[in-house]
Protein backbone atom coordinates (compact mmCIF):
# COMPACT_ATOMS: atom_id res chain seq x y z
CA MET A 1 144.79 116.69 122.60
CA LYS A 2 144.43 115.80 118.88
CA PRO A 3 146.93 117.25 116.43
CA ALA A 4 145.67 119.87 114.00
CA GLY A 5 145.84 117.48 111.03
CA ARG A 6 143.72 114.91 112.85
CA ILE A 7 141.13 117.54 113.78
CA ARG A 8 140.89 118.58 110.14
CA GLN A 9 140.42 114.94 109.06
CA ASP A 10 137.61 114.47 111.61
CA HIS A 11 135.93 117.64 110.37
CA ILE A 12 136.05 116.43 106.76
CA LYS A 13 134.78 113.01 107.82
CA ASN A 14 131.80 114.45 109.70
CA GLY A 15 130.94 116.69 106.77
CA LEU A 16 130.90 113.71 104.45
CA ILE A 17 128.65 111.81 106.85
CA HIS A 18 126.13 114.64 107.04
CA ARG A 19 126.03 114.98 103.26
CA LEU A 20 125.51 111.29 102.75
CA VAL A 21 122.89 110.64 105.45
CA ASP A 22 119.98 113.06 105.99
CA ASN A 23 117.73 113.18 109.02
CA SER A 24 114.73 110.91 108.62
CA LEU A 25 111.24 112.06 109.49
CA CYS A 26 109.32 108.80 109.17
CA ARG A 27 108.90 105.55 110.96
CA PHE A 28 110.10 102.39 109.33
CA ASP A 29 110.16 98.73 110.21
CA GLN A 30 111.82 96.48 107.65
CA ASP A 31 112.18 92.72 107.71
CA LYS A 32 115.85 92.41 106.76
CA ASN A 33 115.45 88.73 105.92
CA SER A 34 112.62 89.41 103.47
CA GLU A 35 113.25 90.49 99.92
CA ASN A 36 109.88 92.14 99.57
CA GLY A 37 109.81 93.80 102.97
CA SER A 38 106.78 94.19 105.17
CA TRP A 39 104.48 96.99 106.23
CA HIS A 40 105.52 98.72 109.36
CA SER A 41 104.32 99.91 112.70
CA PRO A 42 104.16 103.69 113.19
CA GLU A 43 105.81 103.39 116.57
CA LYS A 44 109.15 102.12 115.30
CA VAL A 45 112.11 103.92 113.78
CA VAL A 46 115.06 102.26 112.11
CA THR A 47 118.34 104.05 112.69
CA VAL A 48 121.76 103.51 111.19
CA SER A 49 124.64 104.46 113.47
CA SER A 50 122.22 106.60 115.49
CA ILE A 51 121.38 108.58 112.37
CA LYS A 52 117.85 108.17 111.01
CA VAL A 53 117.22 106.82 107.54
CA PRO A 54 116.89 109.36 104.69
CA VAL A 55 113.46 109.79 103.21
CA ILE A 56 111.84 110.74 99.94
CA ARG A 57 112.76 112.15 96.56
CA SER A 58 111.06 114.26 93.89
CA PHE A 59 108.36 116.75 94.84
CA VAL A 60 107.36 114.62 97.83
CA ASP A 61 110.84 115.00 99.37
CA PRO A 62 110.20 116.10 102.98
CA SER A 63 113.91 116.52 103.71
CA ALA A 64 114.02 119.76 101.73
CA ASP A 65 114.07 122.91 103.80
CA PRO A 66 111.34 125.52 103.38
CA ASP A 67 112.21 128.18 100.82
CA ASN A 68 110.84 130.94 103.02
CA ASP A 69 110.23 131.84 106.65
CA SER A 70 109.93 128.65 108.73
CA LYS A 71 107.50 130.38 111.11
CA LEU A 72 105.11 130.95 108.24
CA HIS A 73 105.56 127.32 107.27
CA PHE A 74 104.67 126.26 110.81
CA ILE A 75 101.50 128.42 110.74
CA GLY A 76 100.54 126.74 107.47
CA CYS A 77 100.98 123.36 109.14
CA LEU A 78 98.54 124.40 111.89
CA PHE A 79 95.95 125.26 109.23
CA PHE A 80 96.65 121.93 107.55
CA ILE A 81 96.09 120.02 110.79
CA ALA A 82 92.79 121.80 111.48
CA GLY A 83 91.56 121.27 107.91
CA THR A 84 92.54 117.59 107.89
CA ILE A 85 90.63 116.87 111.11
CA LEU A 86 87.56 118.65 109.70
CA LEU A 87 87.79 116.93 106.31
CA PRO A 88 85.05 114.35 107.06
CA LEU A 89 82.66 117.10 108.22
CA GLN A 90 80.50 117.88 105.17
CA VAL A 91 77.14 118.77 106.74
CA GLY A 92 75.60 122.13 107.66
CA GLN A 93 77.65 124.08 105.14
CA GLY A 94 74.98 126.52 104.03
CA ALA A 95 73.76 127.60 100.60
CA VAL A 96 76.90 129.48 99.49
CA PHE A 97 79.30 126.66 100.32
CA SER A 98 77.00 124.10 98.72
CA ARG A 99 76.64 126.12 95.51
CA TYR A 100 80.38 126.23 94.93
CA HIS A 101 80.98 122.70 96.29
CA LEU A 102 82.90 123.94 99.33
CA GLN A 103 83.07 122.53 102.86
CA TRP A 104 84.29 123.69 106.26
CA ALA A 105 87.72 122.11 105.88
CA ASP A 106 88.40 124.27 102.82
CA CYS A 107 88.71 127.37 105.01
CA PHE A 108 91.83 125.86 106.59
CA LEU A 109 93.19 123.64 103.83
CA GLY A 110 92.99 126.52 101.35
CA LEU A 111 95.15 128.71 103.59
CA ALA A 112 97.53 125.81 104.18
CA LEU A 113 97.90 125.33 100.41
CA VAL A 114 98.59 129.03 99.81
CA ILE A 115 101.21 129.14 102.58
CA GLY A 116 102.71 125.89 101.30
CA VAL A 117 103.07 127.44 97.85
CA LEU A 118 104.85 130.46 99.38
CA THR A 119 107.21 128.43 101.56
CA GLN A 120 107.76 125.36 99.36
CA ARG A 121 108.17 126.93 95.94
CA SER A 122 110.75 124.38 94.78
CA ARG A 123 108.13 121.61 95.01
CA ILE A 124 105.49 123.50 93.06
CA ILE A 125 107.39 122.87 89.85
CA GLU A 126 106.62 119.16 89.92
CA LEU A 127 103.01 119.90 90.85
CA VAL A 128 102.71 122.09 87.75
CA ARG A 129 104.25 119.33 85.66
CA ILE A 130 101.56 116.98 86.89
CA TRP A 131 98.46 119.18 86.64
CA GLY A 132 99.57 122.19 84.56
CA ALA A 133 98.06 120.93 81.31
CA PHE A 134 94.76 120.13 83.04
CA TRP A 135 94.66 123.59 84.66
CA ILE A 136 95.22 125.28 81.29
CA ALA A 137 92.55 123.14 79.64
CA GLY A 138 90.13 124.00 82.45
CA LEU A 139 90.86 127.71 82.07
CA LEU A 140 90.21 127.61 78.32
CA SER A 141 86.99 125.73 78.94
CA ALA A 142 85.89 128.28 81.59
CA LEU A 143 86.69 131.20 79.26
CA PHE A 144 84.74 129.49 76.49
CA ASN A 145 81.81 129.13 78.88
CA GLY A 146 82.12 132.83 79.75
CA THR A 147 80.45 132.76 83.19
CA PHE A 148 81.79 133.75 86.59
CA TYR A 149 80.58 130.45 88.02
CA ALA A 150 82.68 128.47 85.52
CA LEU A 151 85.78 130.48 86.48
CA MET A 152 85.15 129.83 90.17
CA ARG A 153 84.73 126.12 89.54
CA TRP A 154 87.98 126.17 87.55
CA LEU A 155 89.74 127.66 90.56
CA GLY A 156 88.14 124.90 92.59
CA LEU A 157 89.69 122.30 90.29
CA ILE A 158 93.12 123.87 90.81
CA TYR A 159 92.57 123.77 94.55
CA VAL A 160 91.39 120.16 94.84
CA THR A 161 94.03 118.74 92.49
CA GLY A 162 96.72 120.79 94.25
CA MET A 163 95.75 119.15 97.54
CA ILE A 164 97.83 116.15 96.53
CA ALA A 165 100.88 118.22 97.52
CA LEU A 166 99.58 119.27 100.96
CA VAL A 167 101.01 116.35 102.93
CA PRO A 168 104.42 116.53 101.20
CA MET A 169 104.54 120.26 101.96
CA TYR A 170 104.16 119.75 105.72
CA PHE A 171 105.77 116.33 106.14
CA THR A 172 108.86 117.88 107.71
CA ILE A 173 106.88 119.41 110.58
CA LEU A 174 104.42 116.57 111.13
CA ARG A 175 107.08 113.95 111.81
CA ARG A 176 105.56 111.21 113.99
CA GLN A 177 102.44 113.28 114.61
CA GLY A 178 101.31 112.52 111.06
CA TYR A 179 100.00 109.13 112.15
CA HIS A 180 98.16 110.67 115.10
CA LEU A 181 96.63 113.28 112.78
CA PHE A 182 95.45 110.47 110.50
CA LEU A 183 93.87 108.70 113.46
CA ALA A 184 92.13 111.91 114.61
CA MET A 185 90.59 112.42 111.17
CA VAL A 186 89.40 108.80 110.96
CA LEU A 187 88.10 108.88 114.53
CA LEU A 188 85.90 111.92 113.78
CA ALA A 189 84.45 110.14 110.74
CA LEU A 190 83.77 106.93 112.69
CA ILE A 191 82.11 108.78 115.59
CA ALA A 192 79.77 110.43 113.07
CA VAL A 193 79.03 107.00 111.53
CA ILE A 194 78.15 105.52 114.95
CA LEU A 195 75.89 108.46 115.80
CA ASP A 196 74.23 108.24 112.39
CA ALA A 197 73.52 104.54 112.90
CA PHE A 198 72.15 105.17 116.41
CA PHE A 199 69.83 107.98 115.27
CA GLN A 200 68.54 105.94 112.33
CA ILE A 201 67.84 102.87 114.47
CA SER A 202 66.14 105.09 117.07
CA GLY A 203 63.96 106.66 114.39
CA LEU A 204 65.24 110.17 115.13
CA ILE A 205 66.41 110.73 111.56
CA LEU A 206 65.54 109.14 108.23
CA PRO A 207 68.17 107.29 106.21
CA TYR A 208 69.37 108.71 102.91
CA TYR A 209 67.96 106.40 100.27
CA GLY A 210 68.18 108.57 97.18
CA GLN A 211 66.83 106.79 94.14
CA ASN A 212 67.03 103.38 95.85
CA ALA A 213 64.12 104.04 98.20
CA PRO A 214 61.79 101.35 96.75
CA LEU A 215 64.15 98.59 97.84
CA LEU A 216 65.98 100.14 100.82
CA LYS A 217 62.94 101.46 102.64
CA GLY A 218 63.34 100.54 106.31
CA PHE A 219 67.00 99.60 105.85
CA VAL A 220 69.81 101.51 107.60
CA ARG A 221 72.01 103.35 105.10
CA LEU A 222 74.97 105.16 106.65
CA LYS A 223 76.49 108.40 105.48
CA GLY A 224 77.89 109.77 108.76
CA SER A 225 78.99 113.39 108.43
CA PHE A 226 79.41 113.13 104.65
CA MET A 227 77.04 114.53 102.06
CA HIS A 228 76.31 111.12 100.52
CA PRO A 229 76.78 107.45 101.50
CA ASN A 230 79.05 107.00 98.47
CA ALA A 231 81.39 109.69 99.82
CA LEU A 232 81.62 107.91 103.19
CA ALA A 233 82.30 104.57 101.48
CA HIS A 234 84.99 106.14 99.32
CA PHE A 235 86.63 107.71 102.39
CA LEU A 236 86.63 104.38 104.26
CA ALA A 237 88.08 102.61 101.24
CA VAL A 238 91.02 105.01 100.83
CA THR A 239 91.82 105.22 104.55
CA GLY A 240 91.69 101.41 104.59
CA PHE A 241 94.66 101.35 102.21
CA LEU A 242 96.53 103.73 104.53
CA PHE A 243 95.76 101.52 107.52
CA ILE A 244 97.33 98.60 105.65
CA TYR A 245 100.53 100.63 105.55
CA TYR A 246 100.38 101.82 109.15
CA ALA A 247 98.98 98.83 111.07
CA SER A 248 99.53 95.09 111.18
CA GLY A 249 98.30 91.90 112.84
CA THR A 250 95.11 91.90 114.88
CA LYS A 251 94.87 95.69 114.89
CA LEU A 252 94.75 95.78 111.08
CA ALA A 253 92.29 92.87 110.94
CA GLY A 254 89.97 94.61 113.42
CA VAL A 255 90.07 97.92 111.52
CA LEU A 256 89.41 96.38 108.11
CA SER A 257 86.62 94.17 109.50
CA GLY A 258 84.87 97.17 111.03
CA TYR A 259 85.36 99.12 107.81
CA THR A 260 83.82 96.30 105.79
CA ILE A 261 80.71 96.22 107.99
CA ALA A 262 80.32 100.00 107.72
CA MET A 263 80.73 99.87 103.93
CA VAL A 264 78.03 97.21 103.65
CA PHE A 265 75.59 99.65 105.27
CA THR A 266 76.58 102.46 102.91
CA VAL A 267 75.20 100.33 100.04
CA SER A 268 77.94 101.56 97.72
CA ARG A 269 79.97 99.98 94.95
CA SER A 270 83.08 101.28 96.70
CA ILE A 271 82.98 98.00 98.61
CA ILE A 272 85.15 96.66 95.79
CA ALA A 273 87.99 98.04 97.92
CA VAL A 274 87.59 95.04 100.26
CA PRO A 275 88.93 92.44 97.80
CA MET A 276 91.65 94.93 96.84
CA TRP A 277 92.69 95.13 100.51
CA CYS A 278 92.86 91.34 100.64
CA TRP A 279 94.94 91.22 97.48
CA THR A 280 97.58 93.50 98.99
CA LEU A 281 97.81 91.33 102.10
CA VAL A 282 97.71 87.84 100.58
CA LYS A 283 100.93 86.77 98.86
CA ARG A 284 99.56 83.83 96.87
CA SER A 285 99.43 84.29 93.10
CA TRP A 286 96.09 82.50 92.67
CA PHE A 287 94.41 85.07 94.89
CA LEU A 288 94.57 87.62 92.05
CA TRP A 289 92.01 85.58 90.15
CA ALA A 290 89.78 85.40 93.23
CA VAL A 291 89.94 89.18 93.59
CA THR A 292 89.12 89.71 89.90
CA LEU A 293 86.11 87.40 90.10
CA SER A 294 84.87 89.01 93.33
CA ILE A 295 85.04 92.50 91.81
CA LEU A 296 83.09 91.33 88.75
CA LEU A 297 80.58 89.68 91.07
CA ILE A 298 80.13 92.88 93.09
CA LEU A 299 79.59 94.96 89.96
CA GLY A 300 77.18 92.37 88.57
CA LEU A 301 75.18 92.27 91.80
CA SER A 302 75.02 96.08 91.81
CA VAL A 303 73.32 96.01 88.40
CA PHE A 304 70.93 93.32 89.63
CA PHE A 305 70.27 95.37 92.77
CA THR A 306 69.59 98.53 90.76
CA TYR A 307 67.10 96.66 88.59
CA TYR A 308 65.03 95.52 91.57
CA ALA A 309 65.51 98.80 93.43
CA VAL A 310 63.67 100.76 90.78
CA ASP A 311 60.83 98.30 90.00
CA PRO A 312 60.55 96.20 86.83
CA ASN A 313 59.77 98.99 84.33
CA LEU A 314 63.21 100.60 84.92
CA ASP A 315 61.78 104.12 85.04
CA LEU A 316 64.55 105.23 87.39
CA ILE A 317 67.35 103.95 85.19
CA VAL A 318 65.82 105.65 82.15
CA SER A 319 65.14 108.91 83.96
CA PHE A 320 68.30 109.11 86.08
CA ARG A 321 71.33 106.97 85.34
CA TRP A 322 70.89 106.25 81.66
CA LYS A 323 69.65 109.73 80.92
CA GLY A 324 72.63 111.19 82.77
CA LEU A 325 75.05 109.14 80.66
CA GLN A 326 73.21 110.09 77.47
CA SER A 327 73.25 113.76 78.35
CA GLY A 328 76.93 113.77 79.32
CA LEU A 329 78.00 112.10 76.07
CA TRP A 330 75.69 114.29 73.98
CA THR A 331 77.10 117.42 75.65
CA TRP A 332 80.65 116.27 74.93
CA ARG A 333 79.94 115.52 71.27
CA ASN A 334 78.57 119.04 70.85
CA ASN A 335 81.50 120.61 72.74
CA PHE A 336 84.17 118.15 71.69
CA TRP A 337 87.47 119.85 72.50
CA LEU A 338 86.83 122.09 75.53
CA GLY A 339 83.51 120.88 76.90
CA LEU A 340 80.75 123.04 78.28
CA GLY A 341 82.81 124.50 81.14
CA PRO A 342 83.84 123.47 84.69
CA GLY A 343 80.81 122.88 86.91
CA SER A 344 78.38 123.00 83.99
CA TRP A 345 75.21 120.93 83.92
CA PRO A 346 74.90 118.50 80.96
CA MET A 347 72.51 119.46 78.19
CA VAL A 348 69.63 117.02 77.76
CA PRO A 349 68.84 115.97 74.17
CA GLU A 350 65.23 115.51 73.14
CA TYR A 351 65.56 111.76 72.64
CA ALA A 352 66.65 111.39 76.28
CA THR A 353 63.26 112.68 77.47
CA THR A 354 61.14 110.48 75.25
CA ASP A 355 60.64 107.72 77.81
CA SER A 356 60.85 109.82 80.94
CA PRO A 357 60.58 113.62 81.24
CA GLY A 358 62.67 115.74 83.57
CA LEU A 359 66.32 116.62 83.98
CA PRO A 360 68.98 114.11 85.08
CA GLY A 361 71.84 114.68 87.45
CA ASP A 362 75.42 114.31 86.32
CA ALA A 363 76.55 111.12 84.64
CA MET A 364 77.75 109.60 87.93
CA ASN A 365 80.87 108.72 85.95
CA THR A 366 84.08 110.72 86.41
CA TYR A 367 85.31 110.15 82.87
CA ILE A 368 82.10 111.24 81.16
CA ASN A 369 81.77 114.21 83.51
CA LEU A 370 85.26 115.39 82.55
CA LEU A 371 84.51 114.94 78.84
CA SER A 372 81.29 116.97 79.08
CA THR A 373 82.78 119.77 81.24
CA THR A 374 86.41 120.10 80.04
CA GLY A 375 86.28 118.30 76.69
CA LEU A 376 88.72 115.83 75.21
CA ILE A 377 91.70 118.11 75.93
CA GLY A 378 90.87 118.42 79.63
CA PHE A 379 90.07 114.71 79.91
CA LEU A 380 93.40 113.64 78.41
CA ALA A 381 95.28 116.16 80.56
CA TYR A 382 93.59 114.82 83.68
CA ILE A 383 94.49 111.22 82.77
CA TYR A 384 98.06 112.33 82.12
CA GLY A 385 98.25 113.94 85.57
CA TRP A 386 97.19 110.70 87.23
CA PHE A 387 99.66 108.78 85.08
CA ARG A 388 102.47 110.98 86.43
CA ILE A 389 101.24 110.42 89.97
CA PHE A 390 101.12 106.67 89.36
CA GLN A 391 104.73 106.76 88.13
CA LEU A 392 105.87 108.55 91.28
CA GLY A 393 104.28 105.98 93.57
CA ASN A 394 105.29 103.02 91.43
CA SER A 395 108.96 103.96 91.91
CA ALA A 396 108.77 102.69 95.50
CA GLY A 397 111.73 100.52 96.41
CA ARG A 398 109.80 97.72 98.12
CA LYS A 399 107.56 95.31 96.27
CA ALA A 400 104.97 95.41 99.06
CA ASP A 401 104.66 99.20 98.77
CA ARG A 402 104.37 99.06 94.99
CA LYS A 403 101.64 96.44 95.30
CA LEU A 404 99.73 98.62 97.76
CA TRP A 405 100.08 101.65 95.49
CA VAL A 406 98.92 99.73 92.39
CA ALA A 407 95.89 98.41 94.30
CA LEU A 408 94.93 101.97 95.29
CA MET A 409 95.24 103.18 91.69
CA ILE A 410 93.14 100.27 90.38
CA TYR A 411 90.49 101.08 92.96
CA TYR A 412 90.38 104.70 91.74
CA ALA A 413 90.13 103.64 88.09
CA LEU A 414 87.21 101.31 88.81
CA THR A 415 85.23 103.57 91.13
CA ASN A 416 85.46 106.45 88.66
CA LEU A 417 83.13 104.42 86.45
CA PHE A 418 80.18 104.86 88.83
CA ILE A 419 80.86 107.93 90.99
CA SER A 420 81.90 111.52 90.29
CA SER A 421 85.22 111.89 92.10
CA GLU A 422 86.99 114.68 90.20
CA ASP A 423 86.46 117.16 93.06
CA ILE A 424 86.47 114.85 96.12
CA ARG A 425 88.91 116.39 98.61
CA HIS A 426 90.01 113.30 100.47
CA LEU A 427 90.87 111.52 97.22
CA TYR A 428 93.70 113.96 96.50
CA LEU A 429 94.84 114.65 100.06
CA LEU A 430 95.03 110.98 101.05
CA THR A 431 96.69 110.05 97.75
CA GLY A 432 99.44 112.56 98.54
CA TRP A 433 99.67 111.02 102.00
CA MET A 434 100.10 107.53 100.58
CA LEU A 435 102.58 108.85 98.02
CA CYS A 436 104.78 110.19 100.81
CA LEU A 437 104.73 106.87 102.63
CA VAL A 438 105.31 104.41 99.80
CA THR A 439 108.17 106.39 98.24
CA LEU A 440 110.29 106.25 101.37
CA LYS A 441 113.86 105.23 100.65
CA GLN A 442 114.62 101.82 102.02
CA PRO A 443 116.98 100.85 104.83
CA GLN A 444 119.02 98.87 102.30
CA ILE A 445 119.66 102.09 100.41
CA ALA A 446 120.59 103.84 103.62
CA SER A 447 122.93 100.98 104.51
CA LYS A 448 124.66 101.36 101.17
CA ASN A 449 125.08 105.06 101.85
CA VAL A 450 126.61 104.34 105.25
CA TYR A 451 128.89 101.74 103.67
CA LYS A 452 130.08 104.30 101.13
CA GLU A 453 130.52 106.82 103.92
CA LYS A 454 132.77 104.38 105.79
CA GLN A 455 134.82 103.77 102.66
CA ILE A 456 135.29 107.49 102.10
CA SER A 457 136.14 107.98 105.76
CA ARG A 458 138.86 105.35 105.51
CA LYS A 459 140.29 107.04 102.46
CA VAL A 460 140.28 110.37 104.28
CA ASN A 461 142.03 108.81 107.29
CA ASN A 462 144.59 107.17 105.05
């Protein structure tokens, strides 16, 4: 039987250990002989003295306990799981959902976000620091617009930007099931893509050509269960970055090869993600120049393709793309500070209809859309929010994770030039997912903590 003094020393020692080393909730596989580290398999867990490695900091810290009833938090996680699986399903939503840019997954993800706010209040502070200025600018713009629709679209902006915190909110409950949830979501999207390809080849449905019909007629163009081929391509691009984190070897090569083939048949500029994937995987410095040239080549070919897709007189460019850019910039110049209001349609100046009558769509450019709808104040606040998010991810301890994060951010910055992504759900949700993964504390840090714990334990024993 141990003497009372020894029992007290053991108690103090164990308390110090528990304060120094938290329970880990993520899988990690680190090459100890490599300075840069390597991406890891989701099936492996690194432990230190049978105690799992501590995880994340800041508002993505999944080691924090819920501020409220854990049962309510668990219910919110169930809604989050259901909404995440349904995220690729964007068809058959009806007139009301389509008018307010809603989809089926929002019924579940919205409830999950509300419950997450109630049970994870300590993490909302950082979320407000990221997007608070943009939310205020959007509110002022909606009030200036003065319509109920603008207010509803402003609430929609709060919802979609807040989705970046959904994965951090429920990371503690998901544990290893997070990877399986990711696979379930991707599997649903890929099944829809395969069915779409089969039905198009069989002649049961017509492909979505949009304004590119003159050139694409008779060509398969995939959109799966998404509203537009560009949305499918964007989804595949972002989940490709996550697969680089999760998978390795032949499994990763097979996934990215299949993704590349699917993205070719979406006929989307989002295929610039492919050279970005290669850049994150190849460790040779000269490959950066090859990636840069390939991206410029893809963008140049897209302009060439658009020219021949719309016939030589460029009526489509004048009436659709160029007119949309003109209208967006003209609307911003006439509503410089606050824009025309969230969800507003750009005003078309008279000179934009000289060559081709009719109304354009949006500018198909995220930056110009934000300028025309929320003004310069909202645009700068939105850029600031993404800058804060970039800083969080760029604080990753491993060089490989930082490189992956930077590649994802560059992809976003480039694709925003030719698609409207300010209210794309999976952009924010999957960014929060990646943010959780790349900001994991490293085993080296955990080892230092254990080393300090041993030193303190010796002092206590002495």
